[in-house]
């Protein structure tokens, strides 16, 4: 039985990104198609924004590569994020890079205890 066509597409996407990134490259891309949308955005506009969002966020899921997003700026009071995608095994390196970028733009550091705290604050 041959593999499902989507599996073949995912493999091509993953291999293309691995070839592009090498062992230490980083792909920087917007986390979303623009600033966060305001609460109460009408359904049609929300669905359009959601479709554009998924075209950006599906890259890590399809490729299986590590990705981290940081709220890098604000536009009209709404957050704008930057995503960093790295090669296999680059999880820690991406986190360190995200921390350096956040510090460079003046975002407060995340306390290690806050990151490691279990859900519910227990």
Protein backbone atom coordinates (compact mmCIF):
# COMPACT_ATOMS: atom_id res chain seq x y z
CA UNK A 1 0.00 0.00 0.00
CA UNK A 2 1.44 3.39 -0.95
CA UNK A 3 1.61 6.32 1.53
CA UNK A 4 -1.26 8.78 1.68
CA UNK A 5 -0.64 11.80 -0.62
CA UNK A 6 -0.66 14.20 2.37
CA UNK A 7 2.16 12.26 3.97
CA UNK A 8 4.22 12.74 0.81
CA UNK A 9 3.47 16.48 0.82
CA UNK A 10 4.45 16.79 4.49
CA UNK A 11 7.71 14.98 3.81
CA UNK A 12 8.50 17.34 0.91
CA UNK A 13 7.75 20.40 3.07
CA UNK A 14 9.89 19.07 5.91
CA UNK A 15 12.81 18.21 3.65
CA UNK A 16 12.63 21.58 1.87
CA UNK A 17 12.76 23.43 5.19
CA UNK A 18 15.58 21.26 6.52
CA UNK A 19 17.55 21.96 3.33
CA UNK A 20 16.81 25.69 3.67
CA UNK A 21 17.72 25.92 7.37
CA UNK A 22 20.73 23.63 7.43
CA UNK A 23 21.93 22.77 10.92
CA UNK A 24 21.82 26.26 12.40
CA UNK A 25 19.50 28.46 10.33
CA UNK A 26 16.40 30.24 11.57
CA UNK A 27 13.36 31.25 9.56
CA UNK A 28 11.70 34.38 10.97
CA UNK A 29 8.10 34.93 9.95
CA UNK A 30 5.07 36.71 11.32
CA UNK A 31 3.12 34.74 13.89
CA UNK A 32 -0.13 36.05 12.44
CA UNK A 33 -1.19 37.95 9.31
CA UNK A 34 -1.31 41.19 11.31
CA UNK A 35 -1.99 42.48 14.80
CA UNK A 36 -4.35 40.45 16.95
CA UNK A 37 -7.91 41.06 15.86
CA UNK A 38 -10.19 42.92 18.24
CA UNK A 39 -12.77 41.08 20.31
CA UNK A 40 -16.12 41.19 18.56
CA UNK A 41 -14.76 41.04 15.01
CA UNK A 42 -17.64 39.93 12.72
CA UNK A 43 -17.73 36.25 11.70
CA UNK A 44 -16.74 36.64 8.02
CA UNK A 45 -13.75 38.85 8.86
CA UNK A 46 -12.78 36.49 11.67
CA UNK A 47 -12.85 33.46 9.34
CA UNK A 48 -10.76 35.30 6.73
CA UNK A 49 -8.19 36.24 9.36
CA UNK A 50 -8.23 32.68 10.74
CA UNK A 51 -7.54 31.20 7.28
CA UNK A 52 -4.58 33.54 6.79
CA UNK A 53 -3.35 32.72 10.30
CA UNK A 54 -3.41 28.98 9.61
CA UNK A 55 -1.33 29.45 6.46
CA UNK A 56 1.44 30.82 8.70
CA UNK A 57 1.09 28.57 11.72
CA UNK A 58 0.77 25.28 9.83
CA UNK A 59 4.44 25.35 8.78
CA UNK A 60 5.75 23.93 12.06
CA UNK A 61 2.96 21.39 12.30
CA UNK A 62 3.45 20.13 8.76
CA UNK A 63 7.23 19.99 9.02
CA UNK A 64 7.54 18.80 12.60
CA UNK A 65 10.20 21.45 13.20
CA UNK A 66 10.46 23.53 16.39
CA UNK A 67 8.86 26.95 16.40
CA UNK A 68 8.57 29.66 19.04
CA UNK A 69 6.55 32.87 18.93
CA UNK A 70 7.17 36.07 20.86
CA UNK A 71 4.98 39.18 21.15
CA UNK A 72 7.52 41.52 19.59
CA UNK A 73 5.55 44.74 19.22
CA UNK A 74 2.16 46.43 19.37
CA UNK A 75 0.23 48.14 16.58
CA UNK A 76 -2.69 50.30 17.68
CA UNK A 77 -2.45 48.65 21.09
CA UNK A 78 -2.75 45.12 19.67
CA UNK A 79 0.10 42.58 19.92
CA UNK A 80 2.13 41.55 16.88
CA UNK A 81 4.15 38.36 17.13
CA UNK A 82 7.30 37.07 15.49
CA UNK A 83 7.78 33.33 15.00
CA UNK A 84 11.13 31.63 14.74
CA UNK A 85 11.36 28.22 13.06
CA UNK A 86 14.50 26.14 13.39
CA UNK A 87 15.99 22.85 12.24
CA UNK A 88 15.41 19.56 14.06
CA UNK A 89 16.74 19.63 17.60
CA UNK A 90 16.98 23.44 17.76
CA UNK A 91 14.32 23.85 20.45
CA UNK A 92 16.65 25.21 23.13
CA UNK A 93 18.55 27.41 20.68
CA UNK A 94 15.26 28.93 19.50
CA UNK A 95 14.21 29.65 23.08
CA UNK A 96 17.53 31.36 23.78
CA UNK A 97 17.26 33.42 20.59
CA UNK A 98 13.67 34.39 21.45
CA UNK A 99 14.83 35.47 24.90
CA UNK A 100 17.62 37.61 23.39
CA UNK A 101 15.23 39.22 20.88
CA UNK A 102 12.65 39.90 23.57
CA UNK A 103 15.32 41.54 25.72
CA UNK A 104 16.54 43.62 22.77
CA UNK A 105 13.08 45.17 22.32
CA UNK A 106 12.52 45.65 26.04
CA UNK A 107 10.11 42.82 26.83
CA UNK A 108 10.33 41.66 30.45
CA UNK A 109 12.09 38.33 30.97
CA UNK A 110 9.99 35.28 31.78
CA UNK A 111 10.85 33.87 35.19
CA UNK A 112 11.93 30.20 34.98
CA UNK A 113 9.45 29.32 37.74
CA UNK A 114 6.60 30.78 35.67
CA UNK A 115 7.59 28.66 32.69
CA UNK A 116 7.96 25.48 34.74
CA UNK A 117 4.87 25.96 36.92
CA UNK A 118 2.24 23.24 36.39
CA UNK A 119 -1.18 24.20 35.05
CA UNK A 120 -3.43 25.61 37.72
CA UNK A 121 -0.48 27.08 39.64
CA UNK A 122 -0.11 24.04 41.92
